[in-house]
Amino acid sequence: MTSTIKVNNIQNQCGANIANKCGTTITLGASGDTITLACGASQTGFGRSGSVNWDTTAKTAGFTAVSGNGYFVNTTSGAITVTLPATPSAGDIVSVKDYSGTFGTNACTVARNGSNIRGEASDFELNLTNAGATFVYVDGTEGWQIFADGSNADIQTQYIVATGGTITCCGDYKIHTFTSPGTFCVSQVSEIGANNSVSYTVVGGGAGGGRDNYPVPRGGGGGGAGGFREYKSPTGGCYTASPLDGAPSITISAVGYPITVGAGGAGGSGTTVCTAGGAKGSSSTFSTTTSAGGGGGSGHGDPAGGGNHSPAPSTQGASGGGYQFGQDASGAGLGNQPPTSPPQGQNAGAAAGAPGYAYGGGGGAGGTGGNAGPTTTGGTGGVGVSTSITGSSLSYSGGGGSNPGGGASPCGTGGSAGNAGTTNRGGGGGGTRSTPAANGGSGVVIIRYKYQ
C-alpha cells in the first residue's frame, strides 16, 4: 500500500523550517544551515554554481581528473599531464592550479581525452608560472571552455618572441626587415596556433639592364624585376597587402630560419656578345617561400654594326628582361619563371622590328614591360606593386626601362636612362646605349607578427 504525506512545511524541534513549499518554489534548509548528501549518494539536475571542491593534496604525477574537483599540480620534478574526464556532460567542471610556481619551467598539459578544447582537437598547455584555469564542458562542438585566473595571458604563452634583421613596431605588431642575409631566430611560439602564422613579403633581386653597342641610337633591354611574393596572415592586423597576396602560409616553430636576400644582377658592361647582356638577379628565401631573381636585359655586342647579336643571358626570370627583335626567340623576356601562383612577375615588353629594332622594357611584378616603339624608342619598365606590411606603403619589383626613350616603371623601383633599380626593392636596371648598363636592385625579406 502506498503512503502519502501531504504537508507544506517540515520544521525541526526549534520550529525552524527544514523544508518549505511556497507556490512552485521548494526551499531546503534555513539561513546558516548546511545541506550535505550522505556518503555515496549523488545528485542530478541541480547543476553547479561554477565552483569546484579543491583537493589540497598536490599532484606530483599524471592523473585523470574528476568533474567537480580542483587540483593543485606540482611540476617541480618534471612536466605533468592532467587528463580531462572521458564522455563529459554539459556543465562538467575541472580546475587546475600551479602548486609550486613551476609551470613556467615544467609545463602542465591538460589532455582533451577525446573532446575538443575551445573548439579544437588539441590538448592545452599551461606554461606560465603560477598559472591556473577552470575547464567547463559546453557541448560536442566547443567541448571544454577555459576560464583563466585573470586573463588568457596569465595561463599560457600568447605570442611569438624572435630576433633577426632590423626590428620595428607598428601597433601590436613587430616587423623584421632583412636587407641582407641573416637568421630569423624564434625562441618562443604561441600556444594559440593562429598567432604562429606570420605575414611576410619576399622580394628577389632585380636584373641588370642590357648594353646596346650598335651605331643606331637605341638602348639595351631593361632588366626584369625581382620576384614578389606576399602572404597576409589572418592575424596580421590592419594593413593593405599587395594585389599579389596569396603566397603559401607559413606557420613557424621555435627554430632558426635562414634568410637569403638576393643581390641585384650586374648591368651589361662590355662590347662583346658575352658581356653586353644584363645578369640575372638572385633569389630571396624565407622558409618554404622563394622569390626568383629577374631576367637580364638583352644587349648588342657589335659596335661595328656587323650584325653579331648578343644572346643576352638569362632573359627569363621572375620578370622577363627586355630584348631586341630576333634575340632569344625561344622564350625571350618570359616572366614568372619558375611559375608560382599568384605569379611572382610578368613578361618583358615586346621588341620592335625594322627599322629601329628597339628593345622592350623589363617586366614588373604588377605588369608587363612596355613595348618598344616603331623606330628606336625602347619600352618602359613594367609596373611594380605596393604593400604596407611595414606600416608604410612602399613599392617593390618594378621593371627597368630601355634607354633612350624608355622610362622607369610606375612605382619607381625600376631604373630608366641607365639608372639602377632601387636597393632592397627588387627593381630592374635600366638599359643603355654604348655605356655600361645599370645594375638591378637587391631584394628584401619582411616578416610581421603580433607580439602583444
Protein backbone atom coordinates (compact mmCIF):
# COMPACT_ATOMS: atom_id res chain seq x y z
CA MET A 1 0.00 0.00 0.00
CA THR A 2 1.41 3.43 -0.99
CA SER A 3 1.56 6.00 1.81
CA THR A 4 1.19 9.73 1.13
CA ILE A 5 2.11 12.60 3.43
CA LYS A 6 0.71 15.99 2.49
CA VAL A 7 2.39 18.97 4.16
CA ASN A 8 3.77 22.38 3.15
CA ASN A 9 6.31 22.77 5.96
CA ILE A 10 8.67 20.46 7.81
CA GLN A 11 10.25 22.01 10.91
CA ASN A 12 12.92 20.98 13.38
CA GLN A 13 12.37 20.89 17.16
CA CYS A 14 13.16 24.58 17.42
CA GLY A 15 10.45 25.50 14.94
CA ALA A 16 12.78 26.41 12.05
CA ASN A 17 11.87 25.18 8.58
CA ILE A 18 13.78 22.19 7.24
CA ALA A 19 11.69 22.05 4.07
CA ASN A 20 9.16 24.55 2.80
CA LYS A 21 6.98 24.78 -0.31
CA CYS A 22 5.55 28.12 -1.36
CA GLY A 23 3.79 28.13 -4.72
CA THR A 24 6.13 26.39 -7.13
CA THR A 25 9.28 27.07 -5.07
CA ILE A 26 10.68 24.45 -2.68
CA THR A 27 13.27 25.62 -0.14
CA LEU A 28 15.54 23.20 1.72
CA GLY A 29 17.09 24.37 4.99
CA ALA A 30 17.20 27.77 6.58
CA SER A 31 19.78 30.56 6.68
CA GLY A 32 23.02 29.28 8.17
CA ASP A 33 22.23 25.62 7.55
CA THR A 34 24.49 23.23 5.62
CA ILE A 35 22.87 20.63 3.39
CA THR A 36 25.01 17.51 2.95
CA LEU A 37 24.43 14.42 0.83
CA ALA A 38 25.14 11.13 2.54
CA CYS A 39 28.42 9.36 1.68
CA GLY A 40 27.94 7.50 -1.60
CA ALA A 41 24.82 9.46 -2.54
CA SER A 42 24.77 11.52 -5.74
CA GLN A 43 22.68 14.36 -7.09
CA THR A 44 21.31 15.13 -10.56
CA GLY A 45 19.52 18.07 -12.07
CA PHE A 46 20.91 20.72 -9.73
CA GLY A 47 23.81 21.81 -11.95
CA ARG A 48 26.80 23.61 -10.44
CA SER A 49 27.43 27.16 -9.34
CA GLY A 50 30.76 27.32 -11.22
CA SER A 51 32.86 26.30 -8.23
CA VAL A 52 34.83 23.15 -7.51
CA ASN A 53 35.82 21.19 -4.44
CA TRP A 54 39.59 21.57 -4.09
CA ASP A 55 41.78 18.55 -3.47
CA THR A 56 44.52 20.10 -1.31
CA THR A 57 46.93 17.19 -1.72
CA ALA A 58 49.21 18.34 -4.52
CA LYS A 59 49.51 16.04 -7.52
CA THR A 60 53.07 15.08 -8.49
CA ALA A 61 52.30 12.66 -11.33
CA GLY A 62 49.86 12.41 -14.20
CA PHE A 63 46.22 11.58 -13.41
CA THR A 64 42.65 11.69 -14.77
CA ALA A 65 40.53 14.49 -13.32
CA VAL A 66 37.02 14.05 -11.89
CA SER A 67 34.32 16.59 -12.64
CA GLY A 68 33.62 18.89 -9.72
CA ASN A 69 37.17 18.82 -8.40
CA GLY A 70 40.02 21.29 -8.40
CA TYR A 71 43.64 20.16 -8.32
CA PHE A 72 46.94 21.69 -7.27
CA VAL A 73 49.65 20.31 -9.58
CA ASN A 74 53.32 20.24 -8.57
CA THR A 75 55.67 20.09 -11.57
CA THR A 76 58.88 20.67 -9.61
CA SER A 77 60.28 17.31 -10.72
CA GLY A 78 59.03 17.41 -14.30
CA ALA A 79 56.12 18.08 -16.66
CA ILE A 80 52.75 16.53 -15.74
CA THR A 81 49.65 15.70 -17.81
CA VAL A 82 46.17 16.12 -16.37
CA THR A 83 43.60 14.16 -18.40
CA LEU A 84 40.07 15.57 -18.56
CA PRO A 85 37.10 13.26 -17.92
CA ALA A 86 36.01 10.97 -20.75
CA THR A 87 32.46 11.32 -22.20
CA PRO A 88 31.74 14.52 -20.26
CA SER A 89 28.29 16.06 -19.83
CA ALA A 90 27.36 19.71 -20.22
CA GLY A 91 28.28 21.56 -17.04
CA ASP A 92 31.14 19.26 -16.02
CA ILE A 93 33.90 21.31 -14.43
CA VAL A 94 37.57 20.82 -13.54
CA SER A 95 40.12 23.31 -12.18
CA VAL A 96 43.94 23.12 -12.31
CA LYS A 97 46.38 25.38 -10.45
CA ASP A 98 50.18 25.66 -10.31
CA TYR A 99 51.11 24.44 -6.79
CA SER A 100 54.77 25.47 -6.63
CA GLY A 101 55.18 28.15 -9.30
CA THR A 102 56.94 25.79 -11.72
CA PHE A 103 54.62 25.62 -14.74
CA GLY A 104 56.94 28.11 -16.47
CA THR A 105 59.78 25.57 -16.19
CA ASN A 106 57.87 22.27 -16.42
CA ALA A 107 54.53 22.76 -18.14
CA CYS A 108 51.24 21.14 -17.16
CA THR A 109 49.45 19.68 -20.17
CA VAL A 110 45.67 19.31 -19.95
CA ALA A 111 44.80 16.38 -22.23
CA ARG A 112 41.44 16.60 -24.00
CA ASN A 113 40.65 12.86 -23.75
CA GLY A 114 38.64 12.80 -26.97
CA SER A 115 36.74 16.07 -26.57
CA ASN A 116 37.58 19.45 -28.08
CA ILE A 117 39.11 22.25 -26.07
CA ARG A 118 37.96 25.68 -27.23
CA GLY A 119 36.67 24.08 -30.42
CA GLU A 120 39.99 22.48 -31.38
CA ALA A 121 41.05 18.85 -31.26
CA SER A 122 44.21 19.76 -29.35
CA ASP A 123 45.50 19.42 -25.82
CA PHE A 124 46.04 22.59 -23.82
CA GLU A 125 49.31 23.58 -22.15
CA LEU A 126 49.61 25.72 -19.02
CA ASN A 127 53.16 27.02 -19.29
CA LEU A 128 53.41 30.24 -17.29
CA THR A 129 54.48 30.46 -13.65
CA ASN A 130 51.55 30.33 -11.18
CA ALA A 131 49.06 29.70 -13.98
CA GLY A 132 45.61 28.37 -13.16
CA ALA A 133 42.47 27.69 -15.17
CA THR A 134 39.00 26.22 -14.92
CA PHE A 135 37.66 23.94 -17.68
CA VAL A 136 33.88 23.75 -18.20
CA TYR A 137 32.35 21.35 -20.72
CA VAL A 138 29.81 23.05 -23.02
CA ASP A 139 28.93 20.75 -25.93
CA GLY A 140 30.37 18.48 -28.59
CA THR A 141 31.37 21.38 -30.84
CA GLU A 142 33.29 23.66 -28.50
CA GLY A 143 34.00 20.97 -25.96
CA TRP A 144 35.72 22.39 -22.88
CA GLN A 145 35.81 26.16 -22.47
CA ILE A 146 38.60 27.73 -20.40
CA PHE A 147 38.38 30.39 -17.71
CA ALA A 148 41.77 31.75 -16.63
CA ASP A 149 42.86 33.04 -13.23
CA GLY A 150 42.81 36.53 -14.70
CA SER A 151 43.40 36.92 -18.44
CA ASN A 152 44.47 34.41 -21.08
CA ALA A 153 47.96 35.88 -20.87
CA ASP A 154 48.19 34.58 -17.29
CA ILE A 155 47.93 30.91 -18.26
CA GLN A 156 49.96 30.30 -21.42
CA THR A 157 52.32 31.84 -23.93
CA GLN A 158 50.32 34.06 -26.26
CA TYR A 159 52.84 35.49 -28.70
CA ILE A 160 55.95 34.87 -30.75
CA VAL A 161 59.34 36.00 -29.46
CA ALA A 162 62.02 36.34 -32.15
CA THR A 163 65.16 38.20 -33.20
CA GLY A 164 66.88 38.93 -36.51
CA GLY A 165 67.04 41.69 -39.09
CA THR A 166 66.01 45.25 -38.31
CA ILE A 167 63.05 45.17 -35.90
CA THR A 168 60.38 47.87 -35.90
CA CYS A 169 56.92 48.02 -34.33
CA CYS A 170 53.55 49.00 -35.77
CA GLY A 171 50.91 48.98 -33.04
CA ASP A 172 50.72 45.45 -31.63
CA TYR A 173 52.90 44.03 -34.42
CA LYS A 174 56.63 43.54 -34.86
CA ILE A 175 58.24 43.74 -38.28
CA HIS A 176 61.60 42.11 -39.05
CA THR A 177 63.21 43.55 -42.19
CA PHE A 178 66.15 41.69 -43.71
CA THR A 179 68.11 43.77 -46.21
CA SER A 180 70.96 41.24 -46.25
CA PRO A 181 71.24 37.54 -45.39
CA GLY A 182 70.60 36.60 -41.76
CA THR A 183 68.55 34.35 -39.48
CA PHE A 184 65.04 34.79 -38.15
CA CYS A 185 65.58 33.23 -34.71
CA VAL A 186 62.33 32.18 -33.00
CA SER A 187 62.83 31.45 -29.29
CA GLN A 188 59.16 31.18 -28.33
CA VAL A 189 55.91 30.45 -30.13
CA SER A 190 52.33 30.98 -29.03
CA GLU A 191 50.17 28.24 -27.59
CA ILE A 192 47.39 29.77 -29.72
CA GLY A 193 48.06 28.23 -33.13
CA ALA A 194 46.66 31.12 -35.18
CA ASN A 195 49.23 33.52 -33.69
CA ASN A 196 52.07 31.45 -35.18
CA SER A 197 51.00 32.17 -38.75
CA VAL A 198 53.16 35.11 -39.84
CA SER A 199 52.68 37.66 -42.60
CA TYR A 200 55.59 38.09 -44.98
CA THR A 201 56.91 39.70 -48.16
CA VAL A 202 59.79 38.13 -50.08
CA VAL A 203 61.35 40.09 -52.96
CA GLY A 204 64.09 38.70 -55.24
CA GLY A 205 66.94 40.69 -56.74
CA GLY A 206 66.24 42.70 -59.88
CA ALA A 207 68.25 42.01 -63.04
CA GLY A 208 70.76 44.23 -64.76
CA GLY A 209 69.90 46.12 -67.93
CA GLY A 210 71.49 45.39 -71.29
CA ARG A 211 74.07 47.47 -73.18
CA ASP A 212 73.48 48.13 -76.87
CA ASN A 213 76.66 48.84 -78.86
CA TYR A 214 75.15 49.13 -82.33
CA PRO A 215 75.68 52.52 -84.07
CA VAL A 216 71.93 53.18 -84.23
CA PRO A 217 70.94 55.35 -81.19
CA ARG A 218 68.86 52.86 -79.26
CA GLY A 219 69.24 51.47 -75.74
CA GLY A 220 69.62 47.93 -74.44
CA GLY A 221 66.80 45.95 -72.88
CA GLY A 222 65.54 46.81 -69.40
CA GLY A 223 66.25 44.37 -66.58
CA GLY A 224 63.37 42.28 -65.24
CA ALA A 225 62.16 42.92 -61.68
CA GLY A 226 62.88 40.52 -58.86
CA GLY A 227 60.09 38.14 -57.90
CA PHE A 228 57.46 39.42 -55.47
CA ARG A 229 55.57 37.08 -53.15
CA GLU A 230 53.38 38.03 -50.20
CA TYR A 231 51.14 36.41 -47.60
CA LYS A 232 48.94 38.35 -45.19
CA SER A 233 48.06 36.23 -42.16
CA PRO A 234 44.50 36.37 -40.75
CA THR A 235 46.14 37.63 -37.53
CA GLY A 236 48.37 40.11 -39.41
CA GLY A 237 46.41 43.21 -38.40
CA CYS A 238 45.07 46.08 -40.44
CA TYR A 239 47.39 46.87 -43.32
CA THR A 240 46.97 46.95 -47.08
CA ALA A 241 48.54 43.97 -48.82
CA SER A 242 49.50 43.98 -52.48
CA PRO A 243 47.28 42.50 -55.22
CA LEU A 244 49.66 39.52 -55.21
CA ASP A 245 48.76 38.48 -51.65
CA GLY A 246 48.15 34.74 -51.69
CA ALA A 247 51.53 33.01 -51.37
CA PRO A 248 51.54 29.88 -49.16
CA SER A 249 51.03 30.44 -45.43
CA ILE A 250 53.96 29.83 -43.09
CA THR A 251 53.38 28.64 -39.51
CA ILE A 252 56.58 28.95 -37.56
CA SER A 253 58.19 26.85 -34.83
CA ALA A 254 60.80 27.73 -32.20
CA VAL A 255 63.79 27.31 -34.53
CA GLY A 256 66.09 29.48 -36.61
CA TYR A 257 65.03 30.30 -40.17
CA PRO A 258 67.92 31.17 -42.53
CA ILE A 259 67.07 34.22 -44.62
CA THR A 260 68.51 34.75 -48.10
CA VAL A 261 68.33 38.21 -49.67
CA GLY A 262 69.02 38.16 -53.40
CA ALA A 263 71.57 40.53 -54.91
CA GLY A 264 70.74 42.60 -57.96
CA GLY A 265 72.22 41.47 -61.28
CA ALA A 266 75.01 43.45 -62.88
CA GLY A 267 74.25 45.54 -65.93
CA GLY A 268 75.82 44.70 -69.28
CA SER A 269 79.24 46.37 -69.40
CA GLY A 270 81.16 45.20 -72.43
CA THR A 271 81.18 45.29 -76.21
CA THR A 272 81.23 41.55 -76.85
CA VAL A 273 78.40 39.11 -77.25
CA CYS A 274 79.23 37.67 -73.84
CA THR A 275 79.36 40.91 -71.85
CA ALA A 276 76.66 43.18 -73.28
CA GLY A 277 73.69 41.42 -71.68
CA GLY A 278 72.49 42.12 -68.15
CA ALA A 279 72.92 39.45 -65.46
CA LYS A 280 70.00 37.79 -63.77
CA GLY A 281 69.13 38.78 -60.19
CA SER A 282 69.49 36.31 -57.32
CA SER A 283 66.71 34.63 -55.35
CA SER A 284 65.47 35.57 -51.88
CA THR A 285 64.08 32.96 -49.48
CA PHE A 286 62.20 32.63 -46.20
CA SER A 287 61.28 29.14 -45.01
CA THR A 288 59.46 27.39 -47.88
CA THR A 289 58.96 30.54 -49.97
CA THR A 290 61.40 31.62 -52.68
CA SER A 291 61.21 34.66 -54.94
CA ALA A 292 63.40 34.29 -58.02
CA GLY A 293 65.68 36.91 -59.49
CA GLY A 294 64.64 38.96 -62.51
CA GLY A 295 65.72 38.13 -66.07
CA GLY A 296 68.61 40.11 -67.54
CA GLY A 297 68.10 42.69 -70.28
CA SER A 298 69.47 41.87 -73.72
CA GLY A 299 72.30 43.82 -75.31
CA HIS A 300 74.21 44.08 -78.58
CA GLY A 301 77.85 43.08 -78.71
CA ASP A 302 78.96 44.51 -82.05
CA PRO A 303 79.90 48.22 -82.04
CA ALA A 304 80.75 48.00 -85.75
CA GLY A 305 77.23 47.01 -86.67
CA GLY A 306 78.15 43.75 -88.32
CA GLY A 307 75.04 42.02 -87.08
CA ASN A 308 76.72 39.90 -84.39
CA HIS A 309 73.90 40.00 -81.84
CA SER A 310 74.46 39.25 -78.17
CA PRO A 311 72.30 36.38 -76.91
CA ALA A 312 71.74 38.32 -73.66
CA PRO A 313 71.99 35.67 -70.95
CA SER A 314 69.12 34.99 -68.57
CA THR A 315 66.36 36.96 -70.24
CA GLN A 316 63.86 34.75 -68.43
CA GLY A 317 63.22 35.10 -64.72
CA ALA A 318 60.73 36.20 -62.09
CA SER A 319 60.02 39.05 -64.51
CA GLY A 320 61.42 38.89 -68.02
CA GLY A 321 64.30 41.02 -69.27
CA GLY A 322 63.77 43.33 -72.23
CA TYR A 323 65.12 42.03 -75.53
CA GLN A 324 65.76 43.03 -79.15
CA PHE A 325 63.80 41.75 -82.10
CA GLY A 326 65.00 38.30 -83.14
CA GLN A 327 67.01 37.64 -79.98
CA ASP A 328 66.38 34.57 -77.87
CA ALA A 329 63.32 33.72 -79.91
CA SER A 330 62.76 30.51 -77.92
CA GLY A 331 61.40 32.45 -74.98
CA ALA A 332 62.82 35.94 -74.73
CA GLY A 333 61.51 38.03 -71.87
CA LEU A 334 59.39 35.30 -70.29
CA GLY A 335 58.34 36.05 -66.71
CA ASN A 336 57.01 34.09 -63.72
CA GLN A 337 59.88 31.61 -64.03
CA PRO A 338 59.68 29.31 -62.17
CA PRO A 339 55.86 29.50 -62.17
CA THR A 340 54.08 30.46 -58.94
CA SER A 341 50.51 31.33 -58.08
CA PRO A 342 49.84 34.22 -57.82
CA PRO A 343 52.55 34.98 -60.42
CA GLN A 344 55.73 36.44 -58.93
CA GLY A 345 56.34 38.59 -62.03
CA GLN A 346 55.42 39.36 -65.63
CA ASN A 347 56.85 39.18 -69.15
CA ALA A 348 59.03 41.81 -70.74
CA GLY A 349 57.62 44.18 -73.33
CA ALA A 350 57.76 43.25 -77.00
CA ALA A 351 60.72 44.29 -79.12
CA ALA A 352 60.28 46.23 -82.36
CA GLY A 353 61.44 45.15 -85.81
CA ALA A 354 62.72 47.30 -88.66
CA PRO A 355 63.72 49.98 -88.94
CA GLY A 356 64.78 50.64 -85.34
CA TYR A 357 64.91 47.18 -83.77
CA ALA A 358 64.43 48.75 -80.34
CA TYR A 359 64.28 46.72 -77.11
CA GLY A 360 61.33 46.09 -74.82
CA GLY A 361 61.15 47.20 -71.22
CA GLY A 362 61.76 44.74 -68.37
CA GLY A 363 58.71 43.13 -66.77
CA GLY A 364 57.47 44.16 -63.33
CA ALA A 365 55.63 42.28 -60.60
CA GLY A 366 52.42 44.13 -61.40
CA GLY A 367 52.52 44.35 -65.18
CA THR A 368 54.39 43.52 -68.36
CA GLY A 369 57.17 45.73 -69.64
CA GLY A 370 56.36 48.42 -72.15
CA ASN A 371 56.62 47.59 -75.85
CA ALA A 372 59.33 49.21 -77.95
CA GLY A 373 58.35 51.96 -80.35
CA PRO A 374 58.43 51.67 -84.15
CA THR A 375 61.83 53.35 -84.51
CA THR A 376 64.49 53.49 -81.77
CA THR A 377 62.30 54.13 -78.74
CA GLY A 378 62.69 51.47 -76.07
CA GLY A 379 59.90 50.23 -73.83
CA THR A 380 59.21 51.42 -70.30
CA GLY A 381 59.59 49.14 -67.34
CA GLY A 382 56.61 47.14 -66.10
CA VAL A 383 54.76 48.37 -63.02
CA GLY A 384 55.64 47.14 -59.56
CA VAL A 385 53.29 46.57 -56.63
CA SER A 386 52.83 48.21 -53.23
CA THR A 387 52.26 46.84 -49.73
CA SER A 388 52.12 48.47 -46.29
CA ILE A 389 53.34 45.41 -44.38
CA THR A 390 55.93 47.64 -42.66
CA GLY A 391 53.32 50.18 -41.61
CA SER A 392 54.05 52.48 -44.55
CA SER A 393 53.10 51.84 -48.17
CA LEU A 394 56.22 51.06 -50.22
CA SER A 395 56.65 49.90 -53.80
CA TYR A 396 58.61 46.88 -54.99
CA SER A 397 59.67 44.99 -58.11
CA GLY A 398 59.30 47.50 -60.93
CA GLY A 399 60.93 46.64 -64.28
CA GLY A 400 63.81 48.55 -65.86
CA GLY A 401 63.28 50.75 -68.91
CA SER A 402 65.16 50.66 -72.23
CA ASN A 403 67.12 53.84 -72.99
CA PRO A 404 66.68 56.09 -74.91
CA GLY A 405 63.00 56.81 -74.64
CA GLY A 406 62.17 54.15 -72.07
CA GLY A 407 61.01 55.50 -68.72
CA ALA A 408 61.16 53.91 -65.29
CA SER A 409 58.30 51.74 -64.18
CA PRO A 410 55.44 53.25 -62.25
CA CYS A 411 56.00 52.62 -58.51
CA GLY A 412 59.52 53.96 -59.03
CA THR A 413 61.64 50.89 -58.29
CA GLY A 414 62.90 50.08 -61.79
CA GLY A 415 65.65 52.12 -63.44
CA SER A 416 65.48 54.17 -66.63
CA ALA A 417 68.06 56.07 -68.71
CA GLY A 418 70.77 53.86 -67.30
CA ASN A 419 69.64 54.18 -63.69
CA ALA A 420 69.90 51.29 -61.28
CA GLY A 421 66.95 49.52 -59.73
CA THR A 422 66.15 50.66 -56.18
CA THR A 423 68.18 48.90 -53.48
CA ASN A 424 66.15 46.41 -51.41
CA ARG A 425 63.12 46.91 -53.64
CA GLY A 426 63.95 44.38 -56.36
CA GLY A 427 63.84 46.85 -59.25
CA GLY A 428 65.29 46.02 -62.66
CA GLY A 429 68.23 48.05 -64.00
CA GLY A 430 67.79 50.37 -66.96
CA GLY A 431 69.26 49.53 -70.38
CA THR A 432 71.83 51.82 -72.04
CA ARG A 433 73.50 52.69 -75.35
CA SER A 434 77.29 52.48 -75.68
CA THR A 435 77.92 52.80 -71.92
CA PRO A 436 77.73 50.23 -69.11
CA ALA A 437 74.12 49.45 -68.25
CA ALA A 438 72.61 49.80 -64.78
CA ASN A 439 72.52 47.14 -62.09
CA GLY A 440 69.35 45.66 -60.67
CA GLY A 441 68.24 46.45 -57.14
CA SER A 442 68.73 43.93 -54.34
CA GLY A 443 65.77 42.15 -52.77
CA VAL A 444 64.35 42.12 -49.24
CA VAL A 445 62.55 39.81 -46.80
CA ILE A 446 59.96 41.24 -44.38
CA ILE A 447 58.21 39.24 -41.62
CA ARG A 448 55.34 40.55 -39.50
CA TYR A 449 53.55 39.05 -36.47
CA LYS A 450 51.51 40.00 -33.40
CA TYR A 451 53.67 40.38 -30.31
CA GLN A 452 51.32 41.80 -27.67
